[in-house]
Amino acid sequence: FIFLSSLGLIGILLFLLKRIFYHY
């Protein structure tokens, strides 16, 4: 459960990173 939550957090952070820097 801890690592699954970590993977979810990683996915959210990478998604936000891609969304923020996509246009640039």
PDBML (XML) file of the C-alpha atoms, coordinates in Angstrom:
<?xml version="1.0" encoding="UTF-8" ?>
<PDBx:datablock datablockName="MODEL"
   xmlns:PDBx="http://pdbml.pdb.org/schema/pdbx-v50.xsd"
   xmlns:xsi="http://www.w3.org/2001/XMLSchema-instance"
   xsi:schemaLocation="http://pdbml.pdb.org/schema/pdbx-v50.xsd pdbx-v50.xsd">
   <PDBx:atom_siteCategory>
      <PDBx:atom_site id="1">
         <PDBx:B_iso_or_equiv>0.00</PDBx:B_iso_or_equiv>
         <PDBx:Cartn_x>0.000</PDBx:Cartn_x>
         <PDBx:Cartn_y>0.000</PDBx:Cartn_y>
         <PDBx:Cartn_z>0.000</PDBx:Cartn_z>
         <PDBx:auth_asym_id>A</PDBx:auth_asym_id>
         <PDBx:auth_atom_id>CA</PDBx:auth_atom_id>
         <PDBx:auth_comp_id>PHE</PDBx:auth_comp_id>
         <PDBx:auth_seq_id>1</PDBx:auth_seq_id>
         <PDBx:group_PDB>ATOM</PDBx:group_PDB>
         <PDBx:label_alt_id xsi:nil="true" />
         <PDBx:label_asym_id>A</PDBx:label_asym_id>
         <PDBx:label_atom_id>CA</PDBx:label_atom_id>
         <PDBx:label_comp_id>PHE</PDBx:label_comp_id>
         <PDBx:label_entity_id>1</PDBx:label_entity_id>
         <PDBx:label_seq_id>1</PDBx:label_seq_id>
         <PDBx:occupancy>1.00</PDBx:occupancy>
         <PDBx:pdbx_PDB_model_num>1</PDBx:pdbx_PDB_model_num>
         <PDBx:type_symbol>C</PDBx:type_symbol>
      </PDBx:atom_site>
      <PDBx:atom_site id="2">
         <PDBx:B_iso_or_equiv>0.00</PDBx:B_iso_or_equiv>
         <PDBx:Cartn_x>2.873</PDBx:Cartn_x>
         <PDBx:Cartn_y>2.396</PDBx:Cartn_y>
         <PDBx:Cartn_z>0.823</PDBx:Cartn_z>
         <PDBx:auth_asym_id>A</PDBx:auth_asym_id>
         <PDBx:auth_atom_id>CA</PDBx:auth_atom_id>
         <PDBx:auth_comp_id>ILE</PDBx:auth_comp_id>
         <PDBx:auth_seq_id>2</PDBx:auth_seq_id>
         <PDBx:group_PDB>ATOM</PDBx:group_PDB>
         <PDBx:label_alt_id xsi:nil="true" />
         <PDBx:label_asym_id>A</PDBx:label_asym_id>
         <PDBx:label_atom_id>CA</PDBx:label_atom_id>
         <PDBx:label_comp_id>ILE</PDBx:label_comp_id>
         <PDBx:label_entity_id>1</PDBx:label_entity_id>
         <PDBx:label_seq_id>2</PDBx:label_seq_id>
         <PDBx:occupancy>1.00</PDBx:occupancy>
         <PDBx:pdbx_PDB_model_num>1</PDBx:pdbx_PDB_model_num>
         <PDBx:type_symbol>C</PDBx:type_symbol>
      </PDBx:atom_site>
      <PDBx:atom_site id="3">
         <PDBx:B_iso_or_equiv>0.00</PDBx:B_iso_or_equiv>
         <PDBx:Cartn_x>4.656</PDBx:Cartn_x>
         <PDBx:Cartn_y>1.762</PDBx:Cartn_y>
         <PDBx:Cartn_z>-2.484</PDBx:Cartn_z>
         <PDBx:auth_asym_id>A</PDBx:auth_asym_id>
         <PDBx:auth_atom_id>CA</PDBx:auth_atom_id>
         <PDBx:auth_comp_id>PHE</PDBx:auth_comp_id>
         <PDBx:auth_seq_id>3</PDBx:auth_seq_id>
         <PDBx:group_PDB>ATOM</PDBx:group_PDB>
         <PDBx:label_alt_id xsi:nil="true" />
         <PDBx:label_asym_id>A</PDBx:label_asym_id>
         <PDBx:label_atom_id>CA</PDBx:label_atom_id>
         <PDBx:label_comp_id>PHE</PDBx:label_comp_id>
         <PDBx:label_entity_id>1</PDBx:label_entity_id>
         <PDBx:label_seq_id>3</PDBx:label_seq_id>
         <PDBx:occupancy>1.00</PDBx:occupancy>
         <PDBx:pdbx_PDB_model_num>1</PDBx:pdbx_PDB_model_num>
         <PDBx:type_symbol>C</PDBx:type_symbol>
      </PDBx:atom_site>
      <PDBx:atom_site id="4">
         <PDBx:B_iso_or_equiv>0.00</PDBx:B_iso_or_equiv>
         <PDBx:Cartn_x>1.371</PDBx:Cartn_x>
         <PDBx:Cartn_y>1.847</PDBx:Cartn_y>
         <PDBx:Cartn_z>-4.406</PDBx:Cartn_z>
         <PDBx:auth_asym_id>A</PDBx:auth_asym_id>
         <PDBx:auth_atom_id>CA</PDBx:auth_atom_id>
         <PDBx:auth_comp_id>LEU</PDBx:auth_comp_id>
         <PDBx:auth_seq_id>4</PDBx:auth_seq_id>
         <PDBx:group_PDB>ATOM</PDBx:group_PDB>
         <PDBx:label_alt_id xsi:nil="true" />
         <PDBx:label_asym_id>A</PDBx:label_asym_id>
         <PDBx:label_atom_id>CA</PDBx:label_atom_id>
         <PDBx:label_comp_id>LEU</PDBx:label_comp_id>
         <PDBx:label_entity_id>1</PDBx:label_entity_id>
         <PDBx:label_seq_id>4</PDBx:label_seq_id>
         <PDBx:occupancy>1.00</PDBx:occupancy>
         <PDBx:pdbx_PDB_model_num>1</PDBx:pdbx_PDB_model_num>
         <PDBx:type_symbol>C</PDBx:type_symbol>
      </PDBx:atom_site>
      <PDBx:atom_site id="5">
         <PDBx:B_iso_or_equiv>0.00</PDBx:B_iso_or_equiv>
         <PDBx:Cartn_x>0.650</PDBx:Cartn_x>
         <PDBx:Cartn_y>5.241</PDBx:Cartn_y>
         <PDBx:Cartn_z>-2.869</PDBx:Cartn_z>
         <PDBx:auth_asym_id>A</PDBx:auth_asym_id>
         <PDBx:auth_atom_id>CA</PDBx:auth_atom_id>
         <PDBx:auth_comp_id>SER</PDBx:auth_comp_id>
         <PDBx:auth_seq_id>5</PDBx:auth_seq_id>
         <PDBx:group_PDB>ATOM</PDBx:group_PDB>
         <PDBx:label_alt_id xsi:nil="true" />
         <PDBx:label_asym_id>A</PDBx:label_asym_id>
         <PDBx:label_atom_id>CA</PDBx:label_atom_id>
         <PDBx:label_comp_id>SER</PDBx:label_comp_id>
         <PDBx:label_entity_id>1</PDBx:label_entity_id>
         <PDBx:label_seq_id>5</PDBx:label_seq_id>
         <PDBx:occupancy>1.00</PDBx:occupancy>
         <PDBx:pdbx_PDB_model_num>1</PDBx:pdbx_PDB_model_num>
         <PDBx:type_symbol>C</PDBx:type_symbol>
      </PDBx:atom_site>
      <PDBx:atom_site id="6">
         <PDBx:B_iso_or_equiv>0.00</PDBx:B_iso_or_equiv>
         <PDBx:Cartn_x>4.199</PDBx:Cartn_x>
         <PDBx:Cartn_y>6.299</PDBx:Cartn_y>
         <PDBx:Cartn_z>-3.770</PDBx:Cartn_z>
         <PDBx:auth_asym_id>A</PDBx:auth_asym_id>
         <PDBx:auth_atom_id>CA</PDBx:auth_atom_id>
         <PDBx:auth_comp_id>SER</PDBx:auth_comp_id>
         <PDBx:auth_seq_id>6</PDBx:auth_seq_id>
         <PDBx:group_PDB>ATOM</PDBx:group_PDB>
         <PDBx:label_alt_id xsi:nil="true" />
         <PDBx:label_asym_id>A</PDBx:label_asym_id>
         <PDBx:label_atom_id>CA</PDBx:label_atom_id>
         <PDBx:label_comp_id>SER</PDBx:label_comp_id>
         <PDBx:label_entity_id>1</PDBx:label_entity_id>
         <PDBx:label_seq_id>6</PDBx:label_seq_id>
         <PDBx:occupancy>1.00</PDBx:occupancy>
         <PDBx:pdbx_PDB_model_num>1</PDBx:pdbx_PDB_model_num>
         <PDBx:type_symbol>C</PDBx:type_symbol>
      </PDBx:atom_site>
      <PDBx:atom_site id="7">
         <PDBx:B_iso_or_equiv>0.00</PDBx:B_iso_or_equiv>
         <PDBx:Cartn_x>3.685</PDBx:Cartn_x>
         <PDBx:Cartn_y>5.237</PDBx:Cartn_y>
         <PDBx:Cartn_z>-7.381</PDBx:Cartn_z>
         <PDBx:auth_asym_id>A</PDBx:auth_asym_id>
         <PDBx:auth_atom_id>CA</PDBx:auth_atom_id>
         <PDBx:auth_comp_id>LEU</PDBx:auth_comp_id>
         <PDBx:auth_seq_id>7</PDBx:auth_seq_id>
         <PDBx:group_PDB>ATOM</PDBx:group_PDB>
         <PDBx:label_alt_id xsi:nil="true" />
         <PDBx:label_asym_id>A</PDBx:label_asym_id>
         <PDBx:label_atom_id>CA</PDBx:label_atom_id>
         <PDBx:label_comp_id>LEU</PDBx:label_comp_id>
         <PDBx:label_entity_id>1</PDBx:label_entity_id>
         <PDBx:label_seq_id>7</PDBx:label_seq_id>
         <PDBx:occupancy>1.00</PDBx:occupancy>
         <PDBx:pdbx_PDB_model_num>1</PDBx:pdbx_PDB_model_num>
         <PDBx:type_symbol>C</PDBx:type_symbol>
      </PDBx:atom_site>
      <PDBx:atom_site id="8">
         <PDBx:B_iso_or_equiv>0.00</PDBx:B_iso_or_equiv>
         <PDBx:Cartn_x>0.432</PDBx:Cartn_x>
         <PDBx:Cartn_y>7.184</PDBx:Cartn_y>
         <PDBx:Cartn_z>-7.452</PDBx:Cartn_z>
         <PDBx:auth_asym_id>A</PDBx:auth_asym_id>
         <PDBx:auth_atom_id>CA</PDBx:auth_atom_id>
         <PDBx:auth_comp_id>GLY</PDBx:auth_comp_id>
         <PDBx:auth_seq_id>8</PDBx:auth_seq_id>
         <PDBx:group_PDB>ATOM</PDBx:group_PDB>
         <PDBx:label_alt_id xsi:nil="true" />
         <PDBx:label_asym_id>A</PDBx:label_asym_id>
         <PDBx:label_atom_id>CA</PDBx:label_atom_id>
         <PDBx:label_comp_id>GLY</PDBx:label_comp_id>
         <PDBx:label_entity_id>1</PDBx:label_entity_id>
         <PDBx:label_seq_id>8</PDBx:label_seq_id>
         <PDBx:occupancy>1.00</PDBx:occupancy>
         <PDBx:pdbx_PDB_model_num>1</PDBx:pdbx_PDB_model_num>
         <PDBx:type_symbol>C</PDBx:type_symbol>
      </PDBx:atom_site>
      <PDBx:atom_site id="9">
         <PDBx:B_iso_or_equiv>0.00</PDBx:B_iso_or_equiv>
         <PDBx:Cartn_x>2.233</PDBx:Cartn_x>
         <PDBx:Cartn_y>10.239</PDBx:Cartn_y>
         <PDBx:Cartn_z>-6.082</PDBx:Cartn_z>
         <PDBx:auth_asym_id>A</PDBx:auth_asym_id>
         <PDBx:auth_atom_id>CA</PDBx:auth_atom_id>
         <PDBx:auth_comp_id>LEU</PDBx:auth_comp_id>
         <PDBx:auth_seq_id>9</PDBx:auth_seq_id>
         <PDBx:group_PDB>ATOM</PDBx:group_PDB>
         <PDBx:label_alt_id xsi:nil="true" />
         <PDBx:label_asym_id>A</PDBx:label_asym_id>
         <PDBx:label_atom_id>CA</PDBx:label_atom_id>
         <PDBx:label_comp_id>LEU</PDBx:label_comp_id>
         <PDBx:label_entity_id>1</PDBx:label_entity_id>
         <PDBx:label_seq_id>9</PDBx:label_seq_id>
         <PDBx:occupancy>1.00</PDBx:occupancy>
         <PDBx:pdbx_PDB_model_num>1</PDBx:pdbx_PDB_model_num>
         <PDBx:type_symbol>C</PDBx:type_symbol>
      </PDBx:atom_site>
      <PDBx:atom_site id="10">
         <PDBx:B_iso_or_equiv>0.00</PDBx:B_iso_or_equiv>
         <PDBx:Cartn_x>4.999</PDBx:Cartn_x>
         <PDBx:Cartn_y>9.787</PDBx:Cartn_y>
         <PDBx:Cartn_z>-8.680</PDBx:Cartn_z>
         <PDBx:auth_asym_id>A</PDBx:auth_asym_id>
         <PDBx:auth_atom_id>CA</PDBx:auth_atom_id>
         <PDBx:auth_comp_id>ILE</PDBx:auth_comp_id>
         <PDBx:auth_seq_id>10</PDBx:auth_seq_id>
         <PDBx:group_PDB>ATOM</PDBx:group_PDB>
         <PDBx:label_alt_id xsi:nil="true" />
         <PDBx:label_asym_id>A</PDBx:label_asym_id>
         <PDBx:label_atom_id>CA</PDBx:label_atom_id>
         <PDBx:label_comp_id>ILE</PDBx:label_comp_id>
         <PDBx:label_entity_id>1</PDBx:label_entity_id>
         <PDBx:label_seq_id>10</PDBx:label_seq_id>
         <PDBx:occupancy>1.00</PDBx:occupancy>
         <PDBx:pdbx_PDB_model_num>1</PDBx:pdbx_PDB_model_num>
         <PDBx:type_symbol>C</PDBx:type_symbol>
      </PDBx:atom_site>
      <PDBx:atom_site id="11">
         <PDBx:B_iso_or_equiv>0.00</PDBx:B_iso_or_equiv>
         <PDBx:Cartn_x>2.393</PDBx:Cartn_x>
         <PDBx:Cartn_y>9.556</PDBx:Cartn_y>
         <PDBx:Cartn_z>-11.439</PDBx:Cartn_z>
         <PDBx:auth_asym_id>A</PDBx:auth_asym_id>
         <PDBx:auth_atom_id>CA</PDBx:auth_atom_id>
         <PDBx:auth_comp_id>GLY</PDBx:auth_comp_id>
         <PDBx:auth_seq_id>11</PDBx:auth_seq_id>
         <PDBx:group_PDB>ATOM</PDBx:group_PDB>
         <PDBx:label_alt_id xsi:nil="true" />
         <PDBx:label_asym_id>A</PDBx:label_asym_id>
         <PDBx:label_atom_id>CA</PDBx:label_atom_id>
         <PDBx:label_comp_id>GLY</PDBx:label_comp_id>
         <PDBx:label_entity_id>1</PDBx:label_entity_id>
         <PDBx:label_seq_id>11</PDBx:label_seq_id>
         <PDBx:occupancy>1.00</PDBx:occupancy>
         <PDBx:pdbx_PDB_model_num>1</PDBx:pdbx_PDB_model_num>
         <PDBx:type_symbol>C</PDBx:type_symbol>
      </PDBx:atom_site>
      <PDBx:atom_site id="12">
         <PDBx:B_iso_or_equiv>0.00</PDBx:B_iso_or_equiv>
         <PDBx:Cartn_x>0.667</PDBx:Cartn_x>
         <PDBx:Cartn_y>12.731</PDBx:Cartn_y>
         <PDBx:Cartn_z>-10.243</PDBx:Cartn_z>
         <PDBx:auth_asym_id>A</PDBx:auth_asym_id>
         <PDBx:auth_atom_id>CA</PDBx:auth_atom_id>
         <PDBx:auth_comp_id>ILE</PDBx:auth_comp_id>
         <PDBx:auth_seq_id>12</PDBx:auth_seq_id>
         <PDBx:group_PDB>ATOM</PDBx:group_PDB>
         <PDBx:label_alt_id xsi:nil="true" />
         <PDBx:label_asym_id>A</PDBx:label_asym_id>
         <PDBx:label_atom_id>CA</PDBx:label_atom_id>
         <PDBx:label_comp_id>ILE</PDBx:label_comp_id>
         <PDBx:label_entity_id>1</PDBx:label_entity_id>
         <PDBx:label_seq_id>12</PDBx:label_seq_id>
         <PDBx:occupancy>1.00</PDBx:occupancy>
         <PDBx:pdbx_PDB_model_num>1</PDBx:pdbx_PDB_model_num>
         <PDBx:type_symbol>C</PDBx:type_symbol>
      </PDBx:atom_site>
      <PDBx:atom_site id="13">
         <PDBx:B_iso_or_equiv>0.00</PDBx:B_iso_or_equiv>
         <PDBx:Cartn_x>3.941</PDBx:Cartn_x>
         <PDBx:Cartn_y>14.669</PDBx:Cartn_y>
         <PDBx:Cartn_z>-9.993</PDBx:Cartn_z>
         <PDBx:auth_asym_id>A</PDBx:auth_asym_id>
         <PDBx:auth_atom_id>CA</PDBx:auth_atom_id>
         <PDBx:auth_comp_id>LEU</PDBx:auth_comp_id>
         <PDBx:auth_seq_id>13</PDBx:auth_seq_id>
         <PDBx:group_PDB>ATOM</PDBx:group_PDB>
         <PDBx:label_alt_id xsi:nil="true" />
         <PDBx:label_asym_id>A</PDBx:label_asym_id>
         <PDBx:label_atom_id>CA</PDBx:label_atom_id>
         <PDBx:label_comp_id>LEU</PDBx:label_comp_id>
         <PDBx:label_entity_id>1</PDBx:label_entity_id>
         <PDBx:label_seq_id>13</PDBx:label_seq_id>
         <PDBx:occupancy>1.00</PDBx:occupancy>
         <PDBx:pdbx_PDB_model_num>1</PDBx:pdbx_PDB_model_num>
         <PDBx:type_symbol>C</PDBx:type_symbol>
      </PDBx:atom_site>
      <PDBx:atom_site id="14">
         <PDBx:B_iso_or_equiv>0.00</PDBx:B_iso_or_equiv>
         <PDBx:Cartn_x>5.116</PDBx:Cartn_x>
         <PDBx:Cartn_y>13.533</PDBx:Cartn_y>
         <PDBx:Cartn_z>-13.434</PDBx:Cartn_z>
         <PDBx:auth_asym_id>A</PDBx:auth_asym_id>
         <PDBx:auth_atom_id>CA</PDBx:auth_atom_id>
         <PDBx:auth_comp_id>LEU</PDBx:auth_comp_id>
         <PDBx:auth_seq_id>14</PDBx:auth_seq_id>
         <PDBx:group_PDB>ATOM</PDBx:group_PDB>
         <PDBx:label_alt_id xsi:nil="true" />
         <PDBx:label_asym_id>A</PDBx:label_asym_id>
         <PDBx:label_atom_id>CA</PDBx:label_atom_id>
         <PDBx:label_comp_id>LEU</PDBx:label_comp_id>
         <PDBx:label_entity_id>1</PDBx:label_entity_id>
         <PDBx:label_seq_id>14</PDBx:label_seq_id>
         <PDBx:occupancy>1.00</PDBx:occupancy>
         <PDBx:pdbx_PDB_model_num>1</PDBx:pdbx_PDB_model_num>
         <PDBx:type_symbol>C</PDBx:type_symbol>
      </PDBx:atom_site>
      <PDBx:atom_site id="15">
         <PDBx:B_iso_or_equiv>0.00</PDBx:B_iso_or_equiv>
         <PDBx:Cartn_x>1.711</PDBx:Cartn_x>
         <PDBx:Cartn_y>14.379</PDBx:Cartn_y>
         <PDBx:Cartn_z>-14.917</PDBx:Cartn_z>
         <PDBx:auth_asym_id>A</PDBx:auth_asym_id>
         <PDBx:auth_atom_id>CA</PDBx:auth_atom_id>
         <PDBx:auth_comp_id>PHE</PDBx:auth_comp_id>
         <PDBx:auth_seq_id>15</PDBx:auth_seq_id>
         <PDBx:group_PDB>ATOM</PDBx:group_PDB>
         <PDBx:label_alt_id xsi:nil="true" />
         <PDBx:label_asym_id>A</PDBx:label_asym_id>
         <PDBx:label_atom_id>CA</PDBx:label_atom_id>
         <PDBx:label_comp_id>PHE</PDBx:label_comp_id>
         <PDBx:label_entity_id>1</PDBx:label_entity_id>
         <PDBx:label_seq_id>15</PDBx:label_seq_id>
         <PDBx:occupancy>1.00</PDBx:occupancy>
         <PDBx:pdbx_PDB_model_num>1</PDBx:pdbx_PDB_model_num>
         <PDBx:type_symbol>C</PDBx:type_symbol>
      </PDBx:atom_site>
      <PDBx:atom_site id="16">
         <PDBx:B_iso_or_equiv>0.00</PDBx:B_iso_or_equiv>
         <PDBx:Cartn_x>1.796</PDBx:Cartn_x>
         <PDBx:Cartn_y>17.861</PDBx:Cartn_y>
         <PDBx:Cartn_z>-13.378</PDBx:Cartn_z>
         <PDBx:auth_asym_id>A</PDBx:auth_asym_id>
         <PDBx:auth_atom_id>CA</PDBx:auth_atom_id>
         <PDBx:auth_comp_id>LEU</PDBx:auth_comp_id>
         <PDBx:auth_seq_id>16</PDBx:auth_seq_id>
         <PDBx:group_PDB>ATOM</PDBx:group_PDB>
         <PDBx:label_alt_id xsi:nil="true" />
         <PDBx:label_asym_id>A</PDBx:label_asym_id>
         <PDBx:label_atom_id>CA</PDBx:label_atom_id>
         <PDBx:label_comp_id>LEU</PDBx:label_comp_id>
         <PDBx:label_entity_id>1</PDBx:label_entity_id>
         <PDBx:label_seq_id>16</PDBx:label_seq_id>
         <PDBx:occupancy>1.00</PDBx:occupancy>
         <PDBx:pdbx_PDB_model_num>1</PDBx:pdbx_PDB_model_num>
         <PDBx:type_symbol>C</PDBx:type_symbol>
      </PDBx:atom_site>
      <PDBx:atom_site id="17">
         <PDBx:B_iso_or_equiv>0.00</PDBx:B_iso_or_equiv>
         <PDBx:Cartn_x>5.387</PDBx:Cartn_x>
         <PDBx:Cartn_y>18.292</PDBx:Cartn_y>
         <PDBx:Cartn_z>-14.573</PDBx:Cartn_z>
         <PDBx:auth_asym_id>A</PDBx:auth_asym_id>
         <PDBx:auth_atom_id>CA</PDBx:auth_atom_id>
         <PDBx:auth_comp_id>LEU</PDBx:auth_comp_id>
         <PDBx:auth_seq_id>17</PDBx:auth_seq_id>
         <PDBx:group_PDB>ATOM</PDBx:group_PDB>
         <PDBx:label_alt_id xsi:nil="true" />
         <PDBx:label_asym_id>A</PDBx:label_asym_id>
         <PDBx:label_atom_id>CA</PDBx:label_atom_id>
         <PDBx:label_comp_id>LEU</PDBx:label_comp_id>
         <PDBx:label_entity_id>1</PDBx:label_entity_id>
         <PDBx:label_seq_id>17</PDBx:label_seq_id>
         <PDBx:occupancy>1.00</PDBx:occupancy>
         <PDBx:pdbx_PDB_model_num>1</PDBx:pdbx_PDB_model_num>
         <PDBx:type_symbol>C</PDBx:type_symbol>
      </PDBx:atom_site>
      <PDBx:atom_site id="18">
         <PDBx:B_iso_or_equiv>0.00</PDBx:B_iso_or_equiv>
         <PDBx:Cartn_x>4.411</PDBx:Cartn_x>
         <PDBx:Cartn_y>17.377</PDBx:Cartn_y>
         <PDBx:Cartn_z>-18.108</PDBx:Cartn_z>
         <PDBx:auth_asym_id>A</PDBx:auth_asym_id>
         <PDBx:auth_atom_id>CA</PDBx:auth_atom_id>
         <PDBx:auth_comp_id>LYS</PDBx:auth_comp_id>
         <PDBx:auth_seq_id>18</PDBx:auth_seq_id>
         <PDBx:group_PDB>ATOM</PDBx:group_PDB>
         <PDBx:label_alt_id xsi:nil="true" />
         <PDBx:label_asym_id>A</PDBx:label_asym_id>
         <PDBx:label_atom_id>CA</PDBx:label_atom_id>
         <PDBx:label_comp_id>LYS</PDBx:label_comp_id>
         <PDBx:label_entity_id>1</PDBx:label_entity_id>
         <PDBx:label_seq_id>18</PDBx:label_seq_id>
         <PDBx:occupancy>1.00</PDBx:occupancy>
         <PDBx:pdbx_PDB_model_num>1</PDBx:pdbx_PDB_model_num>
         <PDBx:type_symbol>C</PDBx:type_symbol>
      </PDBx:atom_site>
      <PDBx:atom_site id="19">
         <PDBx:B_iso_or_equiv>0.00</PDBx:B_iso_or_equiv>
         <PDBx:Cartn_x>1.353</PDBx:Cartn_x>
         <PDBx:Cartn_y>19.637</PDBx:Cartn_y>
         <PDBx:Cartn_z>-18.029</PDBx:Cartn_z>
         <PDBx:auth_asym_id>A</PDBx:auth_asym_id>
         <PDBx:auth_atom_id>CA</PDBx:auth_atom_id>
         <PDBx:auth_comp_id>ARG</PDBx:auth_comp_id>
         <PDBx:auth_seq_id>19</PDBx:auth_seq_id>
         <PDBx:group_PDB>ATOM</PDBx:group_PDB>
         <PDBx:label_alt_id xsi:nil="true" />
         <PDBx:label_asym_id>A</PDBx:label_asym_id>
         <PDBx:label_atom_id>CA</PDBx:label_atom_id>
         <PDBx:label_comp_id>ARG</PDBx:label_comp_id>
         <PDBx:label_entity_id>1</PDBx:label_entity_id>
         <PDBx:label_seq_id>19</PDBx:label_seq_id>
         <PDBx:occupancy>1.00</PDBx:occupancy>
         <PDBx:pdbx_PDB_model_num>1</PDBx:pdbx_PDB_model_num>
         <PDBx:type_symbol>C</PDBx:type_symbol>
      </PDBx:atom_site>
      <PDBx:atom_site id="20">
         <PDBx:B_iso_or_equiv>0.00</PDBx:B_iso_or_equiv>
         <PDBx:Cartn_x>3.325</PDBx:Cartn_x>
         <PDBx:Cartn_y>22.600</PDBx:Cartn_y>
         <PDBx:Cartn_z>-16.685</PDBx:Cartn_z>
         <PDBx:auth_asym_id>A</PDBx:auth_asym_id>
         <PDBx:auth_atom_id>CA</PDBx:auth_atom_id>
         <PDBx:auth_comp_id>ILE</PDBx:auth_comp_id>
         <PDBx:auth_seq_id>20</PDBx:auth_seq_id>
         <PDBx:group_PDB>ATOM</PDBx:group_PDB>
         <PDBx:label_alt_id xsi:nil="true" />
         <PDBx:label_asym_id>A</PDBx:label_asym_id>
         <PDBx:label_atom_id>CA</PDBx:label_atom_id>
         <PDBx:label_comp_id>ILE</PDBx:label_comp_id>
         <PDBx:label_entity_id>1</PDBx:label_entity_id>
         <PDBx:label_seq_id>20</PDBx:label_seq_id>
         <PDBx:occupancy>1.00</PDBx:occupancy>
         <PDBx:pdbx_PDB_model_num>1</PDBx:pdbx_PDB_model_num>
         <PDBx:type_symbol>C</PDBx:type_symbol>
      </PDBx:atom_site>
      <PDBx:atom_site id="21">
         <PDBx:B_iso_or_equiv>0.00</PDBx:B_iso_or_equiv>
         <PDBx:Cartn_x>6.225</PDBx:Cartn_x>
         <PDBx:Cartn_y>22.328</PDBx:Cartn_y>
         <PDBx:Cartn_z>-19.139</PDBx:Cartn_z>
         <PDBx:auth_asym_id>A</PDBx:auth_asym_id>
         <PDBx:auth_atom_id>CA</PDBx:auth_atom_id>
         <PDBx:auth_comp_id>PHE</PDBx:auth_comp_id>
         <PDBx:auth_seq_id>21</PDBx:auth_seq_id>
         <PDBx:group_PDB>ATOM</PDBx:group_PDB>
         <PDBx:label_alt_id xsi:nil="true" />
         <PDBx:label_asym_id>A</PDBx:label_asym_id>
         <PDBx:label_atom_id>CA</PDBx:label_atom_id>
         <PDBx:label_comp_id>PHE</PDBx:label_comp_id>
         <PDBx:label_entity_id>1</PDBx:label_entity_id>
         <PDBx:label_seq_id>21</PDBx:label_seq_id>
         <PDBx:occupancy>1.00</PDBx:occupancy>
         <PDBx:pdbx_PDB_model_num>1</PDBx:pdbx_PDB_model_num>
         <PDBx:type_symbol>C</PDBx:type_symbol>
      </PDBx:atom_site>
      <PDBx:atom_site id="22">
         <PDBx:B_iso_or_equiv>0.00</PDBx:B_iso_or_equiv>
         <PDBx:Cartn_x>4.317</PDBx:Cartn_x>
         <PDBx:Cartn_y>20.923</PDBx:Cartn_y>
         <PDBx:Cartn_z>-22.112</PDBx:Cartn_z>
         <PDBx:auth_asym_id>A</PDBx:auth_asym_id>
         <PDBx:auth_atom_id>CA</PDBx:auth_atom_id>
         <PDBx:auth_comp_id>TYR</PDBx:auth_comp_id>
         <PDBx:auth_seq_id>22</PDBx:auth_seq_id>
         <PDBx:group_PDB>ATOM</PDBx:group_PDB>
         <PDBx:label_alt_id xsi:nil="true" />
         <PDBx:label_asym_id>A</PDBx:label_asym_id>
         <PDBx:label_atom_id>CA</PDBx:label_atom_id>
         <PDBx:label_comp_id>TYR</PDBx:label_comp_id>
         <PDBx:label_entity_id>1</PDBx:label_entity_id>
         <PDBx:label_seq_id>22</PDBx:label_seq_id>
         <PDBx:occupancy>1.00</PDBx:occupancy>
         <PDBx:pdbx_PDB_model_num>1</PDBx:pdbx_PDB_model_num>
         <PDBx:type_symbol>C</PDBx:type_symbol>
      </PDBx:atom_site>
      <PDBx:atom_site id="23">
         <PDBx:B_iso_or_equiv>0.00</PDBx:B_iso_or_equiv>
         <PDBx:Cartn_x>3.790</PDBx:Cartn_x>
         <PDBx:Cartn_y>24.202</PDBx:Cartn_y>
         <PDBx:Cartn_z>-23.963</PDBx:Cartn_z>
         <PDBx:auth_asym_id>A</PDBx:auth_asym_id>
         <PDBx:auth_atom_id>CA</PDBx:auth_atom_id>
         <PDBx:auth_comp_id>HIS</PDBx:auth_comp_id>
         <PDBx:auth_seq_id>23</PDBx:auth_seq_id>
         <PDBx:group_PDB>ATOM</PDBx:group_PDB>
         <PDBx:label_alt_id xsi:nil="true" />
         <PDBx:label_asym_id>A</PDBx:label_asym_id>
         <PDBx:label_atom_id>CA</PDBx:label_atom_id>
         <PDBx:label_comp_id>HIS</PDBx:label_comp_id>
         <PDBx:label_entity_id>1</PDBx:label_entity_id>
         <PDBx:label_seq_id>23</PDBx:label_seq_id>
         <PDBx:occupancy>1.00</PDBx:occupancy>
         <PDBx:pdbx_PDB_model_num>1</PDBx:pdbx_PDB_model_num>
         <PDBx:type_symbol>C</PDBx:type_symbol>
      </PDBx:atom_site>
      <PDBx:atom_site id="24">
         <PDBx:B_iso_or_equiv>0.00</PDBx:B_iso_or_equiv>
         <PDBx:Cartn_x>7.292</PDBx:Cartn_x>
         <PDBx:Cartn_y>25.462</PDBx:Cartn_y>
         <PDBx:Cartn_z>-23.203</PDBx:Cartn_z>
         <PDBx:auth_asym_id>A</PDBx:auth_asym_id>
         <PDBx:auth_atom_id>CA</PDBx:auth_atom_id>
         <PDBx:auth_comp_id>TYR</PDBx:auth_comp_id>
         <PDBx:auth_seq_id>24</PDBx:auth_seq_id>
         <PDBx:group_PDB>ATOM</PDBx:group_PDB>
         <PDBx:label_alt_id xsi:nil="true" />
         <PDBx:label_asym_id>A</PDBx:label_asym_id>
         <PDBx:label_atom_id>CA</PDBx:label_atom_id>
         <PDBx:label_comp_id>TYR</PDBx:label_comp_id>
         <PDBx:label_entity_id>1</PDBx:label_entity_id>
         <PDBx:label_seq_id>24</PDBx:label_seq_id>
         <PDBx:occupancy>1.00</PDBx:occupancy>
         <PDBx:pdbx_PDB_model_num>1</PDBx:pdbx_PDB_model_num>
         <PDBx:type_symbol>C</PDBx:type_symbol>
      </PDBx:atom_site>
   </PDBx:atom_siteCategory>
</PDBx:datablock>
